[in-house]
Amino acid sequence: MVYLIINLFKTIWKYLDVICFLFAIAFAIWGFFLLSFTAGIFSIAVGLIVLGFLVERIASVLQ
C-alpha cells in the first residue's frame, strides 16, 4: 500500500513539474507582450525553442 502511494506521488510530481514549466513559459511570454509586441514575438520564439528541447528530452528519456 505504501509503495502504491509513493508511486502515485512520483507520477504526479513528474507531471506537475512539466505543467508548472509550461505555465512559467506562458506567463513569461505574456509579460514580454506587455512590454512590447516585438519583445512578445521574440519571447514566443525562445519559448518554442525551450519547449522543443523539453519535448526532445522527454522523448529520449522514454526510449
PDB file of N, CA and C in Angstrom:
ATOM      1  N   MET A   1       0.825  -1.198   0.000  1.00  0.00           N
ATOM      2  CA  MET A   1       0.000   0.000   0.000  1.00  0.00           C
ATOM      3  C   MET A   1       0.865   1.255   0.000  1.00  0.00           C
ATOM      4  N   VAL A   2       1.906   1.265   0.811  1.00  0.00           N
ATOM      5  CA  VAL A   2       2.792   2.427   0.873  1.00  0.00           C
ATOM      6  C   VAL A   2       3.514   2.604  -0.451  1.00  0.00           C
ATOM      7  N   TYR A   3       3.923   1.506  -1.071  1.00  0.00           N
ATOM      8  CA  TYR A   3       4.604   1.573  -2.373  1.00  0.00           C
ATOM      9  C   TYR A   3       3.700   2.191  -3.431  1.00  0.00           C
ATOM     10  N   LEU A   4       2.414   1.858  -3.397  1.00  0.00           N
ATOM     11  CA  LEU A   4       1.454   2.406  -4.341  1.00  0.00           C
ATOM     12  C   LEU A   4       1.314   3.921  -4.167  1.00  0.00           C
ATOM     13  N   ILE A   5       1.235   4.375  -2.942  1.00  0.00           N
ATOM     14  CA  ILE A   5       1.104   5.806  -2.668  1.00  0.00           C
ATOM     15  C   ILE A   5       2.370   6.548  -3.080  1.00  0.00           C
ATOM     16  N   ILE A   6       3.523   5.981  -2.827  1.00  0.00           N
ATOM     17  CA  ILE A   6       4.791   6.608  -3.218  1.00  0.00           C
ATOM     18  C   ILE A   6       4.877   6.709  -4.740  1.00  0.00           C
ATOM     19  N   ASN A   7       4.501   5.655  -5.458  1.00  0.00           N
ATOM     20  CA  ASN A   7       4.488   5.698  -6.928  1.00  0.00           C
ATOM     21  C   ASN A   7       3.523   6.749  -7.448  1.00  0.00           C
ATOM     22  N   LEU A   8       2.371   6.874  -6.820  1.00  0.00           N
ATOM     23  CA  LEU A   8       1.376   7.861  -7.228  1.00  0.00           C
ATOM     24  C   LEU A   8       1.936   9.272  -7.074  1.00  0.00           C
ATOM     25  N   PHE A   9       2.574   9.561  -5.971  1.00  0.00           N
ATOM     26  CA  PHE A   9       3.152  10.885  -5.752  1.00  0.00           C
ATOM     27  C   PHE A   9       4.301  11.165  -6.715  1.00  0.00           C
ATOM     28  N   LYS A  10       5.098  10.159  -7.041  1.00  0.00           N
ATOM     29  CA  LYS A  10       6.187  10.346  -8.010  1.00  0.00           C
ATOM     30  C   LYS A  10       5.634  10.685  -9.382  1.00  0.00           C
ATOM     31  N   THR A  11       4.578  10.000  -9.787  1.00  0.00           N
ATOM     32  CA  THR A  11       3.963  10.258 -11.090  1.00  0.00           C
ATOM     33  C   THR A  11       3.351  11.655 -11.130  1.00  0.00           C
ATOM     34  N   ILE A  12       2.625  12.012 -10.100  1.00  0.00           N
ATOM     35  CA  ILE A  12       2.026  13.347 -10.037  1.00  0.00           C
ATOM     36  C   ILE A  12       3.118  14.409 -10.041  1.00  0.00           C
ATOM     37  N   TRP A  13       4.193  14.174  -9.318  1.00  0.00           N
ATOM     38  CA  TRP A  13       5.272  15.153  -9.248  1.00  0.00           C
ATOM     39  C   TRP A  13       5.904  15.379 -10.620  1.00  0.00           C
ATOM     40  N   LYS A  14       6.078  14.317 -11.410  1.00  0.00           N
ATOM     41  CA  LYS A  14       6.646  14.461 -12.758  1.00  0.00           C
ATOM     42  C   LYS A  14       5.761  15.343 -13.626  1.00  0.00           C
ATOM     43  N   TYR A  15       4.465  15.070 -13.626  1.00  0.00           N
ATOM     44  CA  TYR A  15       3.562  15.850 -14.470  1.00  0.00           C
ATOM     45  C   TYR A  15       3.376  17.264 -13.943  1.00  0.00           C
ATOM     46  N   LEU A  16       3.372  17.439 -12.647  1.00  0.00           N
ATOM     47  CA  LEU A  16       3.232  18.763 -12.059  1.00  0.00           C
ATOM     48  C   LEU A  16       4.411  19.646 -12.429  1.00  0.00           C
ATOM     49  N   ASP A  17       5.577  19.072 -12.482  1.00  0.00           N
ATOM     50  CA  ASP A  17       6.772  19.812 -12.856  1.00  0.00           C
ATOM     51  C   ASP A  17       6.667  20.324 -14.290  1.00  0.00           C
ATOM     52  N   VAL A  18       6.205  19.488 -15.197  1.00  0.00           N
ATOM     53  CA  VAL A  18       6.059  19.890 -16.601  1.00  0.00           C
ATOM     54  C   VAL A  18       4.966  20.948 -16.750  1.00  0.00           C
ATOM     55  N   ILE A  19       3.858  20.781 -16.047  1.00  0.00           N
ATOM     56  CA  ILE A  19       2.768  21.762 -16.114  1.00  0.00           C
ATOM     57  C   ILE A  19       3.227  23.108 -15.583  1.00  0.00           C
ATOM     58  N   CYS A  20       3.946  23.115 -14.478  1.00  0.00           N
ATOM     59  CA  CYS A  20       4.466  24.384 -13.939  1.00  0.00           C
ATOM     60  C   CYS A  20       5.454  25.026 -14.902  1.00  0.00           C
ATOM     61  N   PHE A  21       6.264  24.232 -15.567  1.00  0.00           N
ATOM     62  CA  PHE A  21       7.210  24.750 -16.551  1.00  0.00           C
ATOM     63  C   PHE A  21       6.473  25.403 -17.715  1.00  0.00           C
ATOM     64  N   LEU A  22       5.404  24.766 -18.196  1.00  0.00           N
ATOM     65  CA  LEU A  22       4.623  25.339 -19.292  1.00  0.00           C
ATOM     66  C   LEU A  22       3.929  26.632 -18.881  1.00  0.00           C
ATOM     67  N   PHE A  23       3.398  26.670 -17.662  1.00  0.00           N
ATOM     68  CA  PHE A  23       2.790  27.905 -17.175  1.00  0.00           C
ATOM     69  C   PHE A  23       3.824  29.015 -17.034  1.00  0.00           C
ATOM     70  N   ALA A  24       5.032  28.680 -16.614  1.00  0.00           N
ATOM     71  CA  ALA A  24       6.088  29.684 -16.499  1.00  0.00           C
ATOM     72  C   ALA A  24       6.432  30.280 -17.863  1.00  0.00           C
ATOM     73  N   ILE A  25       6.515  29.436 -18.888  1.00  0.00           N
ATOM     74  CA  ILE A  25       6.776  29.943 -20.242  1.00  0.00           C
ATOM     75  C   ILE A  25       5.628  30.836 -20.701  1.00  0.00           C
ATOM     76  N   ALA A  26       4.392  30.413 -20.451  1.00  0.00           N
ATOM     77  CA  ALA A  26       3.229  31.188 -20.886  1.00  0.00           C
ATOM     78  C   ALA A  26       3.189  32.554 -20.205  1.00  0.00           C
ATOM     79  N   PHE A  27       3.450  32.610 -18.922  1.00  0.00           N
ATOM     80  CA  PHE A  27       3.428  33.896 -18.224  1.00  0.00           C
ATOM     81  C   PHE A  27       4.603  34.780 -18.616  1.00  0.00           C
ATOM     82  N   ALA A  28       5.739  34.185 -18.924  1.00  0.00           N
ATOM     83  CA  ALA A  28       6.871  34.979 -19.406  1.00  0.00           C
ATOM     84  C   ALA A  28       6.541  35.602 -20.761  1.00  0.00           C
ATOM     85  N   ILE A  29       5.914  34.837 -21.639  1.00  0.00           N
ATOM     86  CA  ILE A  29       5.510  35.375 -22.946  1.00  0.00           C
ATOM     87  C   ILE A  29       4.488  36.487 -22.762  1.00  0.00           C
ATOM     88  N   TRP A  30       3.547  36.291 -21.874  1.00  0.00           N
ATOM     89  CA  TRP A  30       2.544  37.314 -21.602  1.00  0.00           C
ATOM     90  C   TRP A  30       3.198  38.596 -21.097  1.00  0.00           C
ATOM     91  N   GLY A  31       4.164  38.448 -20.189  1.00  0.00           N
ATOM     92  CA  GLY A  31       4.884  39.605 -19.676  1.00  0.00           C
ATOM     93  C   GLY A  31       5.658  40.339 -20.754  1.00  0.00           C
ATOM     94  N   PHE A  32       6.278  39.605 -21.662  1.00  0.00           N
ATOM     95  CA  PHE A  32       7.006  40.251 -22.752  1.00  0.00           C
ATOM     96  C   PHE A  32       6.056  40.962 -23.704  1.00  0.00           C
ATOM     97  N   PHE A  33       4.862  40.414 -23.920  1.00  0.00           N
ATOM     98  CA  PHE A  33       3.881  41.112 -24.749  1.00  0.00           C
ATOM     99  C   PHE A  33       3.408  42.396 -24.074  1.00  0.00           C
ATOM    100  N   LEU A  34       3.360  42.414 -22.740  1.00  0.00           N
ATOM    101  CA  LEU A  34       3.001  43.639 -22.044  1.00  0.00           C
ATOM    102  C   LEU A  34       4.079  44.702 -22.215  1.00  0.00           C
ATOM    103  N   LEU A  35       5.333  44.278 -22.363  1.00  0.00           N
ATOM    104  CA  LEU A  35       6.415  45.237 -22.606  1.00  0.00           C
ATOM    105  C   LEU A  35       6.303  45.828 -24.004  1.00  0.00           C
ATOM    106  N   SER A  36       6.264  44.965 -24.998  1.00  0.00           N
ATOM    107  CA  SER A  36       6.093  45.430 -26.379  1.00  0.00           C
ATOM    108  C   SER A  36       5.759  44.233 -27.261  1.00  0.00           C
ATOM    109  N   PHE A  37       5.206  44.542 -28.422  1.00  0.00           N
ATOM    110  CA  PHE A  37       4.817  43.485 -29.358  1.00  0.00           C
ATOM    111  C   PHE A  37       6.041  42.757 -29.890  1.00  0.00           C
ATOM    112  N   THR A  38       7.103  43.497 -30.200  1.00  0.00           N
ATOM    113  CA  THR A  38       8.321  42.881 -30.741  1.00  0.00           C
ATOM    114  C   THR A  38       8.957  41.938 -29.718  1.00  0.00           C
ATOM    115  N   ALA A  39       9.017  42.371 -28.462  1.00  0.00           N
ATOM    116  CA  ALA A  39       9.559  41.501 -27.418  1.00  0.00           C
ATOM    117  C   ALA A  39       8.696  40.260 -27.247  1.00  0.00           C
ATOM    118  N   GLY A  40       7.391  40.402 -27.414  1.00  0.00           N
ATOM    119  CA  GLY A  40       6.493  39.255 -27.318  1.00  0.00           C
ATOM    120  C   GLY A  40       6.732  38.237 -28.412  1.00  0.00           C
ATOM    121  N   ILE A  41       6.960  38.721 -29.629  1.00  0.00           N
ATOM    122  CA  ILE A  41       7.243  37.814 -30.749  1.00  0.00           C
ATOM    123  C   ILE A  41       8.543  37.059 -30.508  1.00  0.00           C
ATOM    124  N   PHE A  42       9.583  37.768 -30.057  1.00  0.00           N
ATOM    125  CA  PHE A  42      10.856  37.094 -29.772  1.00  0.00           C
ATOM    126  C   PHE A  42      10.724  36.115 -28.605  1.00  0.00           C
ATOM    127  N   SER A  43       9.896  36.448 -27.627  1.00  0.00           N
ATOM    128  CA  SER A  43       9.722  35.531 -26.498  1.00  0.00           C
ATOM    129  C   SER A  43       8.984  34.264 -26.929  1.00  0.00           C
ATOM    130  N   ILE A  44       8.080  34.374 -27.900  1.00  0.00           N
ATOM    131  CA  ILE A  44       7.429  33.172 -28.442  1.00  0.00           C
ATOM    132  C   ILE A  44       8.474  32.270 -29.094  1.00  0.00           C
ATOM    133  N   ALA A  45       9.397  32.873 -29.843  1.00  0.00           N
ATOM    134  CA  ALA A  45      10.449  32.081 -30.494  1.00  0.00           C
ATOM    135  C   ALA A  45      11.307  31.366 -29.451  1.00  0.00           C
ATOM    136  N   VAL A  46      11.711  32.085 -28.429  1.00  0.00           N
ATOM    137  CA  VAL A  46      12.538  31.470 -27.378  1.00  0.00           C
ATOM    138  C   VAL A  46      11.740  30.408 -26.629  1.00  0.00           C
ATOM    139  N   GLY A  47      10.468  30.692 -26.347  1.00  0.00           N
ATOM    140  CA  GLY A  47       9.624  29.716 -25.659  1.00  0.00           C
ATOM    141  C   GLY A  47       9.451  28.440 -26.452  1.00  0.00           C
ATOM    142  N   LEU A  48       9.282  28.563 -27.765  1.00  0.00           N
ATOM    143  CA  LEU A  48       9.139  27.368 -28.605  1.00  0.00           C
ATOM    144  C   LEU A  48      10.441  26.575 -28.688  1.00  0.00           C
ATOM    145  N   ILE A  49      11.580  27.272 -28.694  1.00  0.00           N
ATOM    146  CA  ILE A  49      12.867  26.568 -28.692  1.00  0.00           C
ATOM    147  C   ILE A  49      13.031  25.781 -27.394  1.00  0.00           C
ATOM    148  N   VAL A  50      12.717  26.415 -26.275  1.00  0.00           N
ATOM    149  CA  VAL A  50      12.834  25.740 -24.978  1.00  0.00           C
ATOM    150  C   VAL A  50      11.850  24.582 -24.895  1.00  0.00           C
ATOM    151  N   LEU A  51      10.627  24.793 -25.388  1.00  0.00           N
ATOM    152  CA  LEU A  51       9.634  23.733 -25.376  1.00  0.00           C
ATOM    153  C   LEU A  51      10.048  22.561 -26.269  1.00  0.00           C
ATOM    154  N   GLY A  52      10.628  22.860 -27.430  1.00  0.00           N
ATOM    155  CA  GLY A  52      11.136  21.803 -28.304  1.00  0.00           C
ATOM    156  C   GLY A  52      12.237  20.998 -27.644  1.00  0.00           C
ATOM    157  N   PHE A  53      13.126  21.692 -26.930  1.00  0.00           N
ATOM    158  CA  PHE A  53      14.190  20.997 -26.196  1.00  0.00           C
ATOM    159  C   PHE A  53      13.599  20.098 -25.120  1.00  0.00           C
ATOM    160  N   LEU A  54      12.583  20.593 -24.415  1.00  0.00           N
ATOM    161  CA  LEU A  54      11.939  19.796 -23.378  1.00  0.00           C
ATOM    162  C   LEU A  54      11.290  18.546 -23.962  1.00  0.00           C
ATOM    163  N   VAL A  55      10.615  18.687 -25.084  1.00  0.00           N
ATOM    164  CA  VAL A  55       9.966  17.538 -25.726  1.00  0.00           C
ATOM    165  C   VAL A  55      11.007  16.508 -26.159  1.00  0.00           C
ATOM    166  N   GLU A  56      12.121  16.966 -26.718  1.00  0.00           N
ATOM    167  CA  GLU A  56      13.182  16.038 -27.120  1.00  0.00           C
ATOM    168  C   GLU A  56      13.785  15.326 -25.918  1.00  0.00           C
ATOM    169  N   ARG A  57      13.957  16.025 -24.810  1.00  0.00           N
ATOM    170  CA  ARG A  57      14.493  15.391 -23.594  1.00  0.00           C
ATOM    171  C   ARG A  57      13.538  14.321 -23.075  1.00  0.00           C
ATOM    172  N   ILE A  58      12.245  14.631 -23.071  1.00  0.00           N
ATOM    173  CA  ILE A  58      11.259  13.652 -22.610  1.00  0.00           C
ATOM    174  C   ILE A  58      11.245  12.439 -23.540  1.00  0.00           C
ATOM    175  N   ALA A  59      11.318  12.672 -24.840  1.00  0.00           N
ATOM    176  CA  ALA A  59      11.305  11.563 -25.792  1.00  0.00           C
ATOM    177  C   ALA A  59      12.546  10.692 -25.640  1.00  0.00           C
ATOM    178  N   SER A  60      13.696  11.286 -25.363  1.00  0.00           N
ATOM    179  CA  SER A  60      14.911  10.494 -25.206  1.00  0.00           C
ATOM    180  C   SER A  60      14.904   9.706 -23.902  1.00  0.00           C
ATOM    181  N   VAL A  61      14.264  10.226 -22.879  1.00  0.00           N
ATOM    182  CA  VAL A  61      14.188   9.512 -21.593  1.00  0.00           C
ATOM    183  C   VAL A  61      13.229   8.336 -21.710  1.00  0.00           C
ATOM    184  N   LEU A  62      12.159   8.486 -22.471  1.00  0.00           N
ATOM    185  CA  LEU A  62      11.159   7.422 -22.586  1.00  0.00           C
ATOM    186  C   LEU A  62      11.617   6.266 -23.457  1.00  0.00           C
ATOM    187  N   GLN A  63      12.639   6.441 -24.266  1.00  0.00           N
ATOM    188  CA  GLN A  63      13.082   5.360 -25.154  1.00  0.00           C
ATOM    189  C   GLN A  63      13.970   4.387 -24.450  1.00  0.00           C
TER     190      GLN A  63
END
